[in-house]
């Protein structure tokens, strides 16, 4: 996956998490924030170590 598309995907997950938090869907927004953080760290560590 291209880094641009990967960044777009992580950004969209984060923005949807913000919208979910504002609308009161706290469980869904928590899952989306966590998945965005994990994906970002996994890709960052893969580029750094690999």
N, C-alpha and C. Protein backbone atom coordinates (compact mmCIF):
# COMPACT_ATOMS: atom_id res chain seq x y z
N UNK A 1 0.85 -1.18 0.00
CA UNK A 1 0.00 0.00 0.00
C UNK A 1 0.89 1.23 0.00
N UNK A 2 0.55 2.16 -0.83
CA UNK A 2 1.30 3.40 -0.93
C UNK A 2 1.17 4.20 0.37
N UNK A 3 2.20 4.94 0.74
CA UNK A 3 2.17 5.67 2.00
C UNK A 3 1.09 6.75 2.00
N UNK A 4 0.83 7.34 0.82
CA UNK A 4 -0.22 8.36 0.74
C UNK A 4 -1.59 7.75 1.06
N UNK A 5 -1.89 6.60 0.48
CA UNK A 5 -3.17 5.95 0.72
C UNK A 5 -3.27 5.43 2.16
N UNK A 6 -2.14 5.00 2.70
CA UNK A 6 -2.13 4.54 4.09
C UNK A 6 -2.42 5.72 5.02
N UNK A 7 -1.83 6.87 4.74
CA UNK A 7 -2.08 8.06 5.56
C UNK A 7 -3.53 8.52 5.43
N UNK A 8 -4.08 8.44 4.23
CA UNK A 8 -5.49 8.79 4.01
C UNK A 8 -6.38 7.87 4.83
N UNK A 9 -6.10 6.56 4.80
CA UNK A 9 -6.90 5.59 5.54
C UNK A 9 -6.85 5.85 7.05
N UNK A 10 -5.67 6.09 7.58
CA UNK A 10 -5.54 6.37 9.02
C UNK A 10 -6.23 7.68 9.37
N UNK A 11 -6.11 8.68 8.52
CA UNK A 11 -6.79 9.95 8.76
C UNK A 11 -8.29 9.82 8.73
N UNK A 12 -8.82 9.03 7.80
CA UNK A 12 -10.27 8.82 7.74
C UNK A 12 -10.78 8.08 8.97
N UNK A 13 -10.03 7.08 9.42
CA UNK A 13 -10.42 6.37 10.63
C UNK A 13 -10.47 7.33 11.81
N UNK A 14 -9.48 8.21 11.89
CA UNK A 14 -9.43 9.18 12.99
C UNK A 14 -10.59 10.17 12.91
N UNK A 15 -10.89 10.68 11.72
CA UNK A 15 -11.98 11.64 11.56
C UNK A 15 -13.33 10.99 11.87
N UNK A 16 -13.52 9.77 11.43
CA UNK A 16 -14.77 9.06 11.75
C UNK A 16 -14.87 8.84 13.25
N UNK A 17 -13.75 8.59 13.92
CA UNK A 17 -13.75 8.47 15.37
C UNK A 17 -14.15 9.76 16.06
N UNK A 18 -13.70 10.89 15.54
CA UNK A 18 -14.09 12.19 16.11
C UNK A 18 -15.58 12.42 15.92
N UNK A 19 -16.09 12.11 14.72
CA UNK A 19 -17.52 12.28 14.46
C UNK A 19 -18.33 11.37 15.36
N UNK A 20 -17.86 10.13 15.56
CA UNK A 20 -18.55 9.21 16.46
C UNK A 20 -18.54 9.71 17.90
N UNK A 21 -17.45 10.31 18.32
CA UNK A 21 -17.37 10.84 19.68
C UNK A 21 -18.33 12.00 19.86
N UNK A 22 -18.41 12.87 18.87
CA UNK A 22 -19.30 14.03 18.96
C UNK A 22 -20.76 13.59 18.99
N UNK A 23 -21.08 12.54 18.22
CA UNK A 23 -22.47 12.09 18.16
C UNK A 23 -22.86 11.21 19.35
N UNK A 24 -21.92 10.88 20.21
CA UNK A 24 -22.25 10.13 21.41
C UNK A 24 -21.98 8.64 21.33
N UNK A 25 -21.40 8.17 20.25
CA UNK A 25 -21.07 6.75 20.10
C UNK A 25 -19.67 6.52 20.67
N UNK A 26 -19.59 6.44 22.00
CA UNK A 26 -18.29 6.42 22.66
C UNK A 26 -17.56 5.10 22.46
N UNK A 27 -18.27 3.99 22.39
CA UNK A 27 -17.61 2.70 22.20
C UNK A 27 -17.01 2.62 20.80
N UNK A 28 -17.78 3.04 19.80
CA UNK A 28 -17.29 2.99 18.42
C UNK A 28 -16.13 3.96 18.24
N UNK A 29 -16.23 5.14 18.82
CA UNK A 29 -15.14 6.11 18.66
C UNK A 29 -13.87 5.63 19.37
N UNK A 30 -14.02 4.95 20.50
CA UNK A 30 -12.85 4.41 21.19
C UNK A 30 -12.16 3.36 20.35
N UNK A 31 -12.94 2.48 19.73
CA UNK A 31 -12.37 1.44 18.87
C UNK A 31 -11.67 2.07 17.66
N UNK A 32 -12.28 3.09 17.08
CA UNK A 32 -11.67 3.74 15.92
C UNK A 32 -10.39 4.48 16.28
N UNK A 33 -10.38 5.18 17.42
CA UNK A 33 -9.17 5.86 17.86
C UNK A 33 -8.06 4.85 18.12
N UNK A 34 -8.40 3.74 18.77
CA UNK A 34 -7.40 2.71 19.07
C UNK A 34 -6.86 2.09 17.80
N UNK A 35 -7.74 1.81 16.83
CA UNK A 35 -7.26 1.20 15.59
C UNK A 35 -6.38 2.17 14.81
N UNK A 36 -6.71 3.45 14.81
CA UNK A 36 -5.87 4.43 14.12
C UNK A 36 -4.50 4.53 14.79
N UNK A 37 -4.47 4.50 16.10
CA UNK A 37 -3.19 4.58 16.81
C UNK A 37 -2.35 3.33 16.57
N UNK A 38 -2.98 2.17 16.60
CA UNK A 38 -2.24 0.92 16.39
C UNK A 38 -1.71 0.85 14.96
N UNK A 39 -2.56 1.17 13.98
CA UNK A 39 -2.10 1.14 12.59
C UNK A 39 -0.96 2.12 12.35
N UNK A 40 -1.07 3.30 12.92
CA UNK A 40 -0.02 4.30 12.74
C UNK A 40 1.29 3.81 13.34
N UNK A 41 1.25 3.23 14.53
CA UNK A 41 2.46 2.74 15.18
C UNK A 41 3.04 1.53 14.47
N UNK A 42 2.18 0.65 13.97
CA UNK A 42 2.67 -0.53 13.26
C UNK A 42 3.40 -0.11 12.00
N UNK A 43 2.83 0.79 11.23
CA UNK A 43 3.48 1.24 10.00
C UNK A 43 4.73 2.04 10.29
N UNK A 44 4.72 2.82 11.35
CA UNK A 44 5.91 3.60 11.71
C UNK A 44 7.05 2.67 12.11
N UNK A 45 6.76 1.66 12.94
CA UNK A 45 7.78 0.73 13.39
C UNK A 45 8.26 -0.15 12.25
N UNK A 46 7.38 -0.50 11.31
CA UNK A 46 7.79 -1.32 10.18
C UNK A 46 8.77 -0.56 9.30
N UNK A 47 8.54 0.73 9.10
CA UNK A 47 9.45 1.54 8.29
C UNK A 47 10.77 1.80 9.02
N UNK A 48 10.71 1.91 10.35
CA UNK A 48 11.91 2.21 11.12
C UNK A 48 12.80 0.98 11.26
N UNK A 49 12.19 -0.18 11.55
CA UNK A 49 12.98 -1.39 11.81
C UNK A 49 13.16 -2.26 10.57
N UNK A 50 12.33 -2.06 9.57
CA UNK A 50 12.41 -3.00 8.46
C UNK A 50 12.79 -2.41 7.21
